[in-house]
PDB file of N, CA and C in Angstrom:
ATOM      1  N   UNK A   1      25.404  -3.356   5.126  1.00  0.00           N
ATOM      2  CA  UNK A   1      23.837  -2.261   5.811  1.00  0.00           C
ATOM      3  C   UNK A   1      23.327  -3.336   7.084  1.00  0.00           C
ATOM      4  N   UNK A   2      22.694  -2.329   7.953  1.00  0.00           N
ATOM      5  CA  UNK A   2      22.116  -3.095   8.925  1.00  0.00           C
ATOM      6  C   UNK A   2      20.346  -2.649   8.656  1.00  0.00           C
ATOM      7  N   UNK A   3      19.261  -3.326   8.812  1.00  0.00           N
ATOM      8  CA  UNK A   3      18.254  -2.855   8.903  1.00  0.00           C
ATOM      9  C   UNK A   3      17.815  -1.537   9.786  1.00  0.00           C
ATOM     10  N   UNK A   4      16.780  -1.200   9.290  1.00  0.00           N
ATOM     11  CA  UNK A   4      16.770   0.486   9.986  1.00  0.00           C
ATOM     12  C   UNK A   4      15.112   0.684  10.122  1.00  0.00           C
ATOM     13  N   UNK A   5      14.831   1.201  10.896  1.00  0.00           N
ATOM     14  CA  UNK A   5      13.451   1.429  11.948  1.00  0.00           C
ATOM     15  C   UNK A   5      12.820   2.797  11.754  1.00  0.00           C
ATOM     16  N   UNK A   6      12.027   2.893  10.736  1.00  0.00           N
ATOM     17  CA  UNK A   6      11.534   4.462  11.178  1.00  0.00           C
ATOM     18  C   UNK A   6      10.042   4.407  11.808  1.00  0.00           C
ATOM     19  N   UNK A   7      10.154   4.776  13.348  1.00  0.00           N
ATOM     20  CA  UNK A   7       8.884   4.711  13.883  1.00  0.00           C
ATOM     21  C   UNK A   7       9.057   6.074  15.104  1.00  0.00           C
ATOM     22  N   UNK A   8       7.874   6.468  15.065  1.00  0.00           N
ATOM     23  CA  UNK A   8       7.596   7.399  16.446  1.00  0.00           C
ATOM     24  C   UNK A   8       6.425   7.008  17.166  1.00  0.00           C
ATOM     25  N   UNK A   9       6.807   6.922  18.426  1.00  0.00           N
ATOM     26  CA  UNK A   9       5.857   6.985  19.886  1.00  0.00           C
ATOM     27  C   UNK A   9       5.045   8.349  19.632  1.00  0.00           C
ATOM     28  N   UNK A  10       3.680   8.344  19.818  1.00  0.00           N
ATOM     29  CA  UNK A  10       3.017   9.223  19.862  1.00  0.00           C
ATOM     30  C   UNK A  10       2.685   9.717  21.393  1.00  0.00           C
ATOM     31  N   UNK A  11       2.794   9.106  21.899  1.00  0.00           N
ATOM     32  CA  UNK A  11       2.070   9.011  23.554  1.00  0.00           C
ATOM     33  C   UNK A  11       3.118   8.917  24.586  1.00  0.00           C
ATOM     34  N   UNK A  12       3.492   8.985  25.690  1.00  0.00           N
ATOM     35  CA  UNK A  12       4.123   8.675  26.641  1.00  0.00           C
ATOM     36  C   UNK A  12       3.906   9.237  27.906  1.00  0.00           C
ATOM     37  N   UNK A  13       4.153   8.702  29.146  1.00  0.00           N
ATOM     38  CA  UNK A  13       4.151   8.972  30.273  1.00  0.00           C
ATOM     39  C   UNK A  13       4.799  10.149  30.690  1.00  0.00           C
ATOM     40  N   UNK A  14       4.222  11.306  31.530  1.00  0.00           N
ATOM     41  CA  UNK A  14       5.570  11.896  32.204  1.00  0.00           C
ATOM     42  C   UNK A  14       5.722  11.735  33.628  1.00  0.00           C
ATOM     43  N   UNK A  15       6.663  12.214  34.270  1.00  0.00           N
ATOM     44  CA  UNK A  15       7.170  12.178  35.804  1.00  0.00           C
ATOM     45  C   UNK A  15       5.997  11.388  36.523  1.00  0.00           C
ATOM     46  N   UNK A  16       4.677  12.217  36.719  1.00  0.00           N
ATOM     47  CA  UNK A  16       3.774  11.964  37.167  1.00  0.00           C
ATOM     48  C   UNK A  16       2.727  10.688  36.945  1.00  0.00           C
ATOM     49  N   UNK A  17       3.253  10.168  35.721  1.00  0.00           N
ATOM     50  CA  UNK A  17       2.302   9.198  35.485  1.00  0.00           C
ATOM     51  C   UNK A  17       1.033   9.613  34.235  1.00  0.00           C
ATOM     52  N   UNK A  18       0.989  10.472  34.339  1.00  0.00           N
ATOM     53  CA  UNK A  18      -0.194  10.979  33.013  1.00  0.00           C
ATOM     54  C   UNK A  18       0.214  10.799  31.747  1.00  0.00           C
ATOM     55  N   UNK A  19      -0.534  10.479  30.790  1.00  0.00           N
ATOM     56  CA  UNK A  19      -0.353  10.120  29.691  1.00  0.00           C
ATOM     57  C   UNK A  19      -0.251  11.166  28.712  1.00  0.00           C
ATOM     58  N   UNK A  20       0.467  11.636  27.625  1.00  0.00           N
ATOM     59  CA  UNK A  20       1.188  12.885  27.160  1.00  0.00           C
ATOM     60  C   UNK A  20       0.933  12.313  25.455  1.00  0.00           C
ATOM     61  N   UNK A  21       0.805  13.404  25.067  1.00  0.00           N
ATOM     62  CA  UNK A  21       1.042  13.502  23.807  1.00  0.00           C
ATOM     63  C   UNK A  21       2.192  14.614  22.812  1.00  0.00           C
ATOM     64  N   UNK A  22       2.602  13.727  22.095  1.00  0.00           N
ATOM     65  CA  UNK A  22       3.943  14.421  21.457  1.00  0.00           C
ATOM     66  C   UNK A  22       3.268  15.777  20.655  1.00  0.00           C
ATOM     67  N   UNK A  23       3.876  16.724  20.390  1.00  0.00           N
ATOM     68  CA  UNK A  23       3.637  17.877  19.383  1.00  0.00           C
ATOM     69  C   UNK A  23       2.801  17.431  18.147  1.00  0.00           C
ATOM     70  N   UNK A  24       1.737  18.093  17.597  1.00  0.00           N
ATOM     71  CA  UNK A  24       1.231  17.806  16.229  1.00  0.00           C
ATOM     72  C   UNK A  24       2.304  17.662  15.258  1.00  0.00           C
ATOM     73  N   UNK A  25       3.368  18.812  15.082  1.00  0.00           N
ATOM     74  CA  UNK A  25       4.204  18.883  14.289  1.00  0.00           C
ATOM     75  C   UNK A  25       5.112  17.743  14.192  1.00  0.00           C
ATOM     76  N   UNK A  26       5.424  17.039  15.172  1.00  0.00           N
ATOM     77  CA  UNK A  26       6.327  15.954  15.250  1.00  0.00           C
ATOM     78  C   UNK A  26       5.187  14.853  14.091  1.00  0.00           C
ATOM     79  N   UNK A  27       4.272  14.679  14.674  1.00  0.00           N
ATOM     80  CA  UNK A  27       3.312  13.605  14.333  1.00  0.00           C
ATOM     81  C   UNK A  27       3.175  13.741  12.866  1.00  0.00           C
ATOM     82  N   UNK A  28       2.867  14.672  12.170  1.00  0.00           N
ATOM     83  CA  UNK A  28       2.742  15.484  11.202  1.00  0.00           C
ATOM     84  C   UNK A  28       3.875  15.145  10.251  1.00  0.00           C
ATOM     85  N   UNK A  29       5.163  15.413  10.480  1.00  0.00           N
ATOM     86  CA  UNK A  29       6.672  15.200   9.762  1.00  0.00           C
ATOM     87  C   UNK A  29       6.444  13.620   9.538  1.00  0.00           C
ATOM     88  N   UNK A  30       6.498  12.894  10.796  1.00  0.00           N
ATOM     89  CA  UNK A  30       6.267  11.458  10.649  1.00  0.00           C
ATOM     90  C   UNK A  30       5.477  10.789   9.623  1.00  0.00           C
ATOM     91  N   UNK A  31       4.349  11.520   9.721  1.00  0.00           N
ATOM     92  CA  UNK A  31       3.447  10.852   8.739  1.00  0.00           C
ATOM     93  C   UNK A  31       3.593  11.543   7.441  1.00  0.00           C
ATOM     94  N   UNK A  32       3.986  12.487   7.203  1.00  0.00           N
ATOM     95  CA  UNK A  32       4.627  12.756   5.562  1.00  0.00           C
ATOM     96  C   UNK A  32       5.895  11.848   5.092  1.00  0.00           C
ATOM     97  N   UNK A  33       6.687  11.364   6.101  1.00  0.00           N
ATOM     98  CA  UNK A  33       7.855  10.770   5.943  1.00  0.00           C
ATOM     99  C   UNK A  33       7.542   9.310   5.391  1.00  0.00           C
ATOM    100  N   UNK A  34       6.446   8.767   6.108  1.00  0.00           N
ATOM    101  CA  UNK A  34       6.003   7.523   5.822  1.00  0.00           C
ATOM    102  C   UNK A  34       5.314   7.448   4.408  1.00  0.00           C
ATOM    103  N   UNK A  35       4.435   8.272   4.544  1.00  0.00           N
ATOM    104  CA  UNK A  35       3.929   8.532   3.221  1.00  0.00           C
ATOM    105  C   UNK A  35       4.782   8.661   1.935  1.00  0.00           C
ATOM    106  N   UNK A  36       5.756   9.508   1.989  1.00  0.00           N
ATOM    107  CA  UNK A  36       6.810   9.556   1.447  1.00  0.00           C
ATOM    108  C   UNK A  36       7.707   8.208   1.270  1.00  0.00           C
ATOM    109  N   UNK A  37       8.032   7.396   2.063  1.00  0.00           N
ATOM    110  CA  UNK A  37       8.425   6.263   1.833  1.00  0.00           C
ATOM    111  C   UNK A  37       7.599   5.269   0.964  1.00  0.00           C
ATOM    112  N   UNK A  38       6.519   4.946   1.540  1.00  0.00           N
ATOM    113  CA  UNK A  38       5.697   4.316   0.826  1.00  0.00           C
ATOM    114  C   UNK A  38       5.298   4.436  -0.524  1.00  0.00           C
ATOM    115  N   UNK A  39       5.388   5.423  -0.798  1.00  0.00           N
ATOM    116  CA  UNK A  39       5.632   6.466  -2.344  1.00  0.00           C
ATOM    117  C   UNK A  39       6.118   5.887  -3.509  1.00  0.00           C
ATOM    118  N   UNK A  40       7.752   6.159  -2.385  1.00  0.00           N
ATOM    119  CA  UNK A  40       8.807   5.746  -3.342  1.00  0.00           C
ATOM    120  C   UNK A  40       9.798   4.634  -3.243  1.00  0.00           C
ATOM    121  N   UNK A  41       9.635   4.079  -2.307  1.00  0.00           N
ATOM    122  CA  UNK A  41      10.228   2.898  -2.215  1.00  0.00           C
ATOM    123  C   UNK A  41       9.498   1.332  -2.390  1.00  0.00           C
ATOM    124  N   UNK A  42      10.072   0.389  -2.412  1.00  0.00           N
ATOM    125  CA  UNK A  42       9.601  -0.852  -2.747  1.00  0.00           C
ATOM    126  C   UNK A  42       9.380  -1.680  -1.663  1.00  0.00           C
ATOM    127  N   UNK A  43       8.131  -2.224  -1.796  1.00  0.00           N
ATOM    128  CA  UNK A  43       7.945  -3.294  -0.341  1.00  0.00           C
ATOM    129  C   UNK A  43       8.106  -4.503  -0.650  1.00  0.00           C
ATOM    130  N   UNK A  44       8.550  -5.136   0.554  1.00  0.00           N
ATOM    131  CA  UNK A  44       9.078  -6.554   0.242  1.00  0.00           C
ATOM    132  C   UNK A  44       7.465  -7.558   0.310  1.00  0.00           C
ATOM    133  N   UNK A  45       7.495  -8.634  -0.224  1.00  0.00           N
ATOM    134  CA  UNK A  45       6.456  -9.607  -0.402  1.00  0.00           C
ATOM    135  C   UNK A  45       5.585  -9.595   1.112  1.00  0.00           C
ATOM    136  N   UNK A  46       6.706  -9.708   1.896  1.00  0.00           N
ATOM    137  CA  UNK A  46       5.798  -9.848   3.700  1.00  0.00           C
ATOM    138  C   UNK A  46       5.504  -8.429   4.442  1.00  0.00           C
ATOM    139  N   UNK A  47       5.807  -7.585   3.224  1.00  0.00           N
ATOM    140  CA  UNK A  47       5.344  -6.130   3.777  1.00  0.00           C
ATOM    141  C   UNK A  47       5.766  -5.313   5.097  1.00  0.00           C
ATOM    142  N   UNK A  48       7.167  -5.884   5.506  1.00  0.00           N
ATOM    143  CA  UNK A  48       7.479  -5.518   6.539  1.00  0.00           C
ATOM    144  C   UNK A  48       8.966  -4.824   6.144  1.00  0.00           C
ATOM    145  N   UNK A  49       9.190  -4.476   4.722  1.00  0.00           N
ATOM    146  CA  UNK A  49      10.704  -4.079   4.475  1.00  0.00           C
ATOM    147  C   UNK A  49      10.563  -3.419   3.259  1.00  0.00           C
ATOM    148  N   UNK A  50      11.426  -2.089   3.119  1.00  0.00           N
ATOM    149  CA  UNK A  50      11.267  -1.297   2.011  1.00  0.00           C
ATOM    150  C   UNK A  50      12.713  -0.981   1.442  1.00  0.00           C
ATOM    151  N   UNK A  51      13.059  -1.289   0.060  1.00  0.00           N
ATOM    152  CA  UNK A  51      14.103  -0.884  -0.537  1.00  0.00           C
ATOM    153  C   UNK A  51      13.628   0.108  -1.586  1.00  0.00           C
ATOM    154  N   UNK A  52      15.456   0.874  -1.609  1.00  0.00           N
ATOM    155  CA  UNK A  52      15.143   2.334  -2.613  1.00  0.00           C
ATOM    156  C   UNK A  52      15.360   1.385  -4.068  1.00  0.00           C
ATOM    157  N   UNK A  53      14.823   2.053  -5.183  1.00  0.00           N
ATOM    158  CA  UNK A  53      15.195   1.654  -6.294  1.00  0.00           C
ATOM    159  C   UNK A  53      16.475   0.823  -6.827  1.00  0.00           C
ATOM    160  N   UNK A  54      17.605   1.830  -6.645  1.00  0.00           N
ATOM    161  CA  UNK A  54      18.985   1.390  -6.719  1.00  0.00           C
ATOM    162  C   UNK A  54      19.283  -0.173  -5.963  1.00  0.00           C
ATOM    163  N   UNK A  55      18.531  -0.670  -4.977  1.00  0.00           N
ATOM    164  CA  UNK A  55      18.728  -1.522  -4.456  1.00  0.00           C
ATOM    165  C   UNK A  55      18.001  -2.790  -4.774  1.00  0.00           C
ATOM    166  N   UNK A  56      16.802  -2.491  -5.526  1.00  0.00           N
ATOM    167  CA  UNK A  56      15.995  -3.334  -5.865  1.00  0.00           C
ATOM    168  C   UNK A  56      16.744  -3.733  -7.148  1.00  0.00           C
ATOM    169  N   UNK A  57      17.302  -2.699  -7.907  1.00  0.00           N
ATOM    170  CA  UNK A  57      18.299  -3.086  -8.909  1.00  0.00           C
ATOM    171  C   UNK A  57      18.847  -4.315  -9.133  1.00  0.00           C
ATOM    172  N   UNK A  58      19.729  -3.930  -7.976  1.00  0.00           N
ATOM    173  CA  UNK A  58      20.834  -5.121  -7.460  1.00  0.00           C
ATOM    174  C   UNK A  58      20.270  -6.031  -7.048  1.00  0.00           C
ATOM    175  N   UNK A  59      18.970  -6.387  -6.425  1.00  0.00           N
ATOM    176  CA  UNK A  59      18.197  -7.452  -6.472  1.00  0.00           C
ATOM    177  C   UNK A  59      17.744  -8.712  -7.384  1.00  0.00           C
ATOM    178  N   UNK A  60      16.612  -7.591  -8.153  1.00  0.00           N
ATOM    179  CA  UNK A  60      16.707  -8.137  -9.297  1.00  0.00           C
ATOM    180  C   UNK A  60      17.262  -8.481 -10.529  1.00  0.00           C
ATOM    181  N   UNK A  61      18.211  -7.571 -11.078  1.00  0.00           N
ATOM    182  CA  UNK A  61      18.809  -8.005 -11.998  1.00  0.00           C
ATOM    183  C   UNK A  61      20.810  -8.720 -12.103  1.00  0.00           C
ATOM    184  N   UNK A  62      21.123  -8.314 -10.621  1.00  0.00           N
ATOM    185  CA  UNK A  62      22.429  -8.893  -9.969  1.00  0.00           C
ATOM    186  C   UNK A  62      22.400  -9.867  -9.110  1.00  0.00           C
ATOM    187  N   UNK A  63      21.117 -10.536  -8.474  1.00  0.00           N
ATOM    188  CA  UNK A  63      20.829 -11.554  -7.865  1.00  0.00           C
ATOM    189  C   UNK A  63      21.294 -11.474  -6.512  1.00  0.00           C
ATOM    190  N   UNK A  64      21.577  -9.905  -6.339  1.00  0.00           N
ATOM    191  CA  UNK A  64      21.747  -9.986  -4.569  1.00  0.00           C
ATOM    192  C   UNK A  64      20.731 -10.076  -3.777  1.00  0.00           C
ATOM    193  N   UNK A  65      21.027 -10.358  -2.308  1.00  0.00           N
ATOM    194  CA  UNK A  65      20.042 -11.103  -1.612  1.00  0.00           C
ATOM    195  C   UNK A  65      19.898  -9.659  -0.692  1.00  0.00           C
ATOM    196  N   UNK A  66      18.646  -9.585   0.047  1.00  0.00           N
ATOM    197  CA  UNK A  66      18.610  -8.388   1.274  1.00  0.00           C
ATOM    198  C   UNK A  66      18.269  -8.847   1.907  1.00  0.00           C
ATOM    199  N   UNK A  67      19.180  -8.941   3.157  1.00  0.00           N
ATOM    200  CA  UNK A  67      19.366  -9.500   4.446  1.00  0.00           C
ATOM    201  C   UNK A  67      18.652  -8.715   5.529  1.00  0.00           C
ATOM    202  N   UNK A  68      17.820  -9.381   6.353  1.00  0.00           N
ATOM    203  CA  UNK A  68      17.247  -8.507   7.477  1.00  0.00           C
ATOM    204  C   UNK A  68      17.493  -8.763   8.764  1.00  0.00           C
ATOM    205  N   UNK A  69      18.654 -10.472   8.995  1.00  0.00           N
ATOM    206  CA  UNK A  69      18.861 -10.602   9.966  1.00  0.00           C
ATOM    207  C   UNK A  69      19.687 -11.450   9.604  1.00  0.00           C
ATOM    208  N   UNK A  70      20.314 -12.096  10.896  1.00  0.00           N
ATOM    209  CA  UNK A  70      21.271 -13.246  10.977  1.00  0.00           C
ATOM    210  C   UNK A  70      21.209 -14.208   9.843  1.00  0.00           C
ATOM    211  N   UNK A  71      20.188 -14.741   9.367  1.00  0.00           N
ATOM    212  CA  UNK A  71      19.876 -15.742   8.579  1.00  0.00           C
ATOM    213  C   UNK A  71      18.252 -15.497   7.480  1.00  0.00           C
ATOM    214  N   UNK A  72      18.350 -14.443   8.024  1.00  0.00           N
ATOM    215  CA  UNK A  72      17.016 -13.857   7.140  1.00  0.00           C
ATOM    216  C   UNK A  72      17.194 -12.922   5.925  1.00  0.00           C
ATOM    217  N   UNK A  73      16.380 -13.157   4.922  1.00  0.00           N
ATOM    218  CA  UNK A  73      16.506 -12.562   3.777  1.00  0.00           C
ATOM    219  C   UNK A  73      14.953 -12.142   3.216  1.00  0.00           C
ATOM    220  N   UNK A  74      14.858 -11.053   2.857  1.00  0.00           N
ATOM    221  CA  UNK A  74      13.818 -10.212   2.211  1.00  0.00           C
ATOM    222  C   UNK A  74      13.472 -10.454   0.936  1.00  0.00           C
ATOM    223  N   UNK A  75      12.220 -10.785   0.505  1.00  0.00           N
ATOM    224  CA  UNK A  75      11.876 -11.168  -1.310  1.00  0.00           C
ATOM    225  C   UNK A  75      11.056  -9.976  -1.516  1.00  0.00           C
ATOM    226  N   UNK A  76      11.460  -9.250  -2.794  1.00  0.00           N
ATOM    227  CA  UNK A  76      10.909  -8.092  -3.285  1.00  0.00           C
ATOM    228  C   UNK A  76       9.867  -8.760  -4.715  1.00  0.00           C
TER     229      UNK A  76
END
């Protein structure tokens, strides 16, 4: 499994170079999803990665490593 990113850019430039803001519903949806993830997933010691409960059990009880790059691993 590859690491993923949950991210939304809320501002952008239109074709004329003006800064535009994405719709409120999109920003609110992103904030709700981010809040849910932070509440229901475990965060790594470096505060950069989250894993679900089943993955955490594999990590803590079975000794699995959570790889975040070619030779990098997250600690929980």
